[in-house]
Amino acid sequence: MRFLLASLFLTLGTSQAHAHCHQRSATVLTCTIDQGAKQLEVCLDGEEVIYRFGPADAPGLTLSAPITEVAHQPWPGIGRAIWESTTFRNGAFTYEVHSSFDKLDQISDGGVKVRENGREIASLSCDRGTTELGLFAISDAKEAAGQCWDIDAQRWGGC
């Protein structure tokens, strides 16, 4: 069922973002920010999750993490919107990338919240109409790597 939903959402988006995920990698989220001046992108390349942010032709920040180590909050399966978030760490900074698909309005959205030592220092939203999603890609990859989501503990662990 999740595969069917993910396929549906990938075909529904009319994205104007210029994805730079390699052909062998899956797009988790890509969009433009600040009226196209910046590109936000999360890709899944095998067992590695990659975060890129900055000008589309030369991202200013690229981070990567193994699928088993990246922090990921999966959609709980209820509500009007299907949403997920993935957090990347870089020293004292975290980059929480969030994405959603409104099932009623049929609108995809996303963005990133940047925190330094836990304090939010920036919150950037995707430009309207530029968001392309690959919902469930990270959850599916975590499960394929032998991790299961414990809804009570709100964390990934062994199956």
Protein backbone atom coordinates (compact mmCIF):
# COMPACT_ATOMS: atom_id res chain seq x y z
CA MET A 1 0.00 0.00 0.00
CA ARG A 2 2.79 2.45 0.88
CA PHE A 3 4.52 1.69 -2.41
CA LEU A 4 1.29 2.47 -4.28
CA LEU A 5 0.86 5.74 -2.36
CA ALA A 6 4.47 6.73 -2.95
CA SER A 7 4.17 6.04 -6.66
CA LEU A 8 0.99 8.07 -6.84
CA PHE A 9 2.56 11.08 -5.12
CA LEU A 10 5.62 10.98 -7.33
CA THR A 11 3.43 11.27 -10.41
CA LEU A 12 1.14 13.94 -8.98
CA GLY A 13 3.80 16.58 -8.43
CA THR A 14 4.29 19.21 -11.09
CA SER A 15 7.70 20.17 -9.88
CA GLN A 16 9.70 23.00 -11.32
CA ALA A 17 12.68 22.14 -9.13
CA HIS A 18 15.71 20.89 -11.01
CA ALA A 19 16.58 17.63 -9.28
CA HIS A 20 20.24 16.75 -9.09
CA CYS A 21 19.91 13.31 -7.52
CA HIS A 22 21.98 10.86 -9.51
CA GLN A 23 20.06 8.54 -11.80
CA ARG A 24 20.86 5.61 -9.52
CA SER A 25 19.53 7.42 -6.42
CA ALA A 26 15.98 8.07 -5.28
CA THR A 27 14.62 11.55 -4.66
CA VAL A 28 13.29 11.96 -1.12
CA LEU A 29 12.65 15.71 -1.46
CA THR A 30 13.70 18.37 -3.91
CA CYS A 31 12.44 21.94 -4.21
CA THR A 32 13.55 25.51 -4.66
CA ILE A 33 13.63 28.08 -1.86
CA ASP A 34 13.71 31.88 -1.89
CA GLN A 35 12.06 32.25 -5.31
CA GLY A 36 14.39 29.77 -6.94
CA ALA A 37 17.63 31.20 -5.58
CA LYS A 38 18.39 28.04 -3.57
CA GLN A 39 17.83 24.31 -4.07
CA LEU A 40 16.97 21.92 -1.21
CA GLU A 41 17.51 18.27 -1.96
CA VAL A 42 17.52 14.96 -0.09
CA CYS A 43 18.46 11.83 -2.03
CA LEU A 44 18.77 8.18 -1.10
CA ASP A 45 21.74 6.57 -2.80
CA GLY A 46 21.94 2.91 -1.84
CA GLU A 47 22.35 2.88 1.94
CA GLU A 48 23.37 6.55 2.17
CA VAL A 49 21.11 9.59 2.59
CA ILE A 50 22.42 12.84 1.10
CA TYR A 51 21.37 16.41 1.97
CA ARG A 52 22.24 19.30 -0.34
CA PHE A 53 21.40 22.98 0.03
CA GLY A 54 22.44 26.09 -1.84
CA PRO A 55 22.51 27.38 -5.39
CA ALA A 56 21.34 24.66 -7.79
CA ASP A 57 24.60 24.68 -9.76
CA ALA A 58 26.88 24.60 -6.70
CA PRO A 59 25.33 23.56 -3.36
CA GLY A 60 26.97 25.33 -0.43
CA LEU A 61 26.34 22.46 1.97
CA THR A 62 26.35 18.71 1.37
CA LEU A 63 25.92 16.22 4.20
CA SER A 64 25.52 12.46 4.13
CA ALA A 65 24.70 9.73 6.62
CA PRO A 66 24.23 5.98 6.50
CA ILE A 67 20.55 4.99 6.34
CA THR A 68 20.89 3.18 9.67
CA GLU A 69 22.16 6.31 11.43
CA VAL A 70 20.05 9.14 9.99
CA ALA A 71 17.24 10.36 12.26
CA HIS A 72 13.89 9.88 10.53
CA GLN A 73 10.33 10.44 11.77
CA PRO A 74 7.92 8.41 9.63
CA TRP A 75 4.30 9.25 8.95
CA PRO A 76 2.10 7.73 11.68
CA GLY A 77 -0.60 6.77 9.17
CA ILE A 78 -3.32 9.20 10.22
CA GLY A 79 -4.39 12.73 9.37
CA ARG A 80 -5.14 14.86 6.36
CA ALA A 81 -1.51 15.12 5.33
CA ILE A 82 1.10 12.45 4.79
CA TRP A 83 4.31 13.82 6.29
CA GLU A 84 7.84 12.79 7.21
CA SER A 85 10.97 14.43 8.55
CA THR A 86 14.64 13.56 8.39
CA THR A 87 17.35 15.20 10.46
CA PHE A 88 21.00 15.57 9.48
CA ARG A 89 23.72 16.50 11.99
CA ASN A 90 26.80 18.60 11.39
CA GLY A 91 28.61 19.43 14.63
CA ALA A 92 26.41 21.77 16.70
CA PHE A 93 23.96 22.14 13.79
CA THR A 94 20.98 20.03 12.80
CA TYR A 95 19.02 20.29 9.57
CA GLU A 96 15.50 18.89 9.90
CA VAL A 97 14.04 18.41 6.44
CA HIS A 98 10.26 18.02 6.45
CA SER A 99 7.92 17.09 3.64
CA SER A 100 4.19 16.60 3.32
CA PHE A 101 1.43 15.82 0.88
CA ASP A 102 -2.06 17.17 1.61
CA LYS A 103 -4.45 14.40 0.56
CA LEU A 104 -7.43 16.76 0.13
CA ASP A 105 -5.80 19.70 -1.63
CA GLN A 106 -3.32 17.44 -3.50
CA ILE A 107 -0.43 19.78 -2.64
CA SER A 108 3.15 18.76 -1.85
CA ASP A 109 5.20 20.94 0.47
CA GLY A 110 8.46 20.88 2.38
CA GLY A 111 11.29 22.82 3.91
CA VAL A 112 14.13 22.74 6.40
CA LYS A 113 14.57 23.92 9.99
CA VAL A 114 18.12 24.69 11.03
CA ARG A 115 19.08 24.49 14.70
CA GLU A 116 22.30 25.32 16.48
CA ASN A 117 22.71 23.52 19.82
CA GLY A 118 18.95 22.84 19.78
CA ARG A 119 17.92 26.48 19.18
CA GLU A 120 16.15 27.19 15.89
CA ILE A 121 18.11 29.71 13.84
CA ALA A 122 16.33 29.37 10.48
CA SER A 123 13.15 27.94 9.01
CA LEU A 124 12.95 27.83 5.22
CA SER A 125 9.95 26.72 3.18
CA CYS A 126 9.88 25.35 -0.34
CA ASP A 127 8.61 27.69 -3.05
CA ARG A 128 5.00 26.86 -3.85
CA GLY A 129 4.65 24.37 -6.67
CA THR A 130 8.32 23.28 -6.74
CA THR A 131 8.22 20.36 -4.29
CA GLU A 132 8.89 16.86 -5.57
CA LEU A 133 8.56 14.06 -3.03
CA GLY A 134 9.59 10.45 -2.75
CA LEU A 135 7.54 9.63 0.32
CA PHE A 136 8.42 6.50 2.30
CA ALA A 137 11.79 6.06 0.56
CA ILE A 138 13.78 6.47 3.78
CA SER A 139 11.38 4.38 5.89
CA ASP A 140 11.49 1.61 3.30
CA ALA A 141 15.30 1.76 3.17
CA LYS A 142 15.56 1.62 6.97
CA GLU A 143 13.30 -1.44 7.01
CA ALA A 144 15.37 -3.05 4.24
CA ALA A 145 18.46 -2.43 6.41
CA GLY A 146 16.83 -4.35 9.29
CA GLN A 147 15.41 -1.46 11.30
CA CYS A 148 11.81 -1.20 12.51
CA TRP A 149 9.96 1.83 13.87
CA ASP A 150 8.88 1.47 17.51
CA ILE A 151 5.84 3.73 17.70
CA ASP A 152 5.77 3.67 21.53
CA ALA A 153 9.44 4.61 21.93
CA GLN A 154 9.38 6.87 18.84
CA ARG A 155 12.66 5.48 17.52
CA TRP A 156 14.14 3.05 15.04
CA GLY A 157 15.67 -0.17 16.35
CA GLY A 158 16.29 -3.76 15.39
CA CYS A 159 13.35 -5.80 14.14
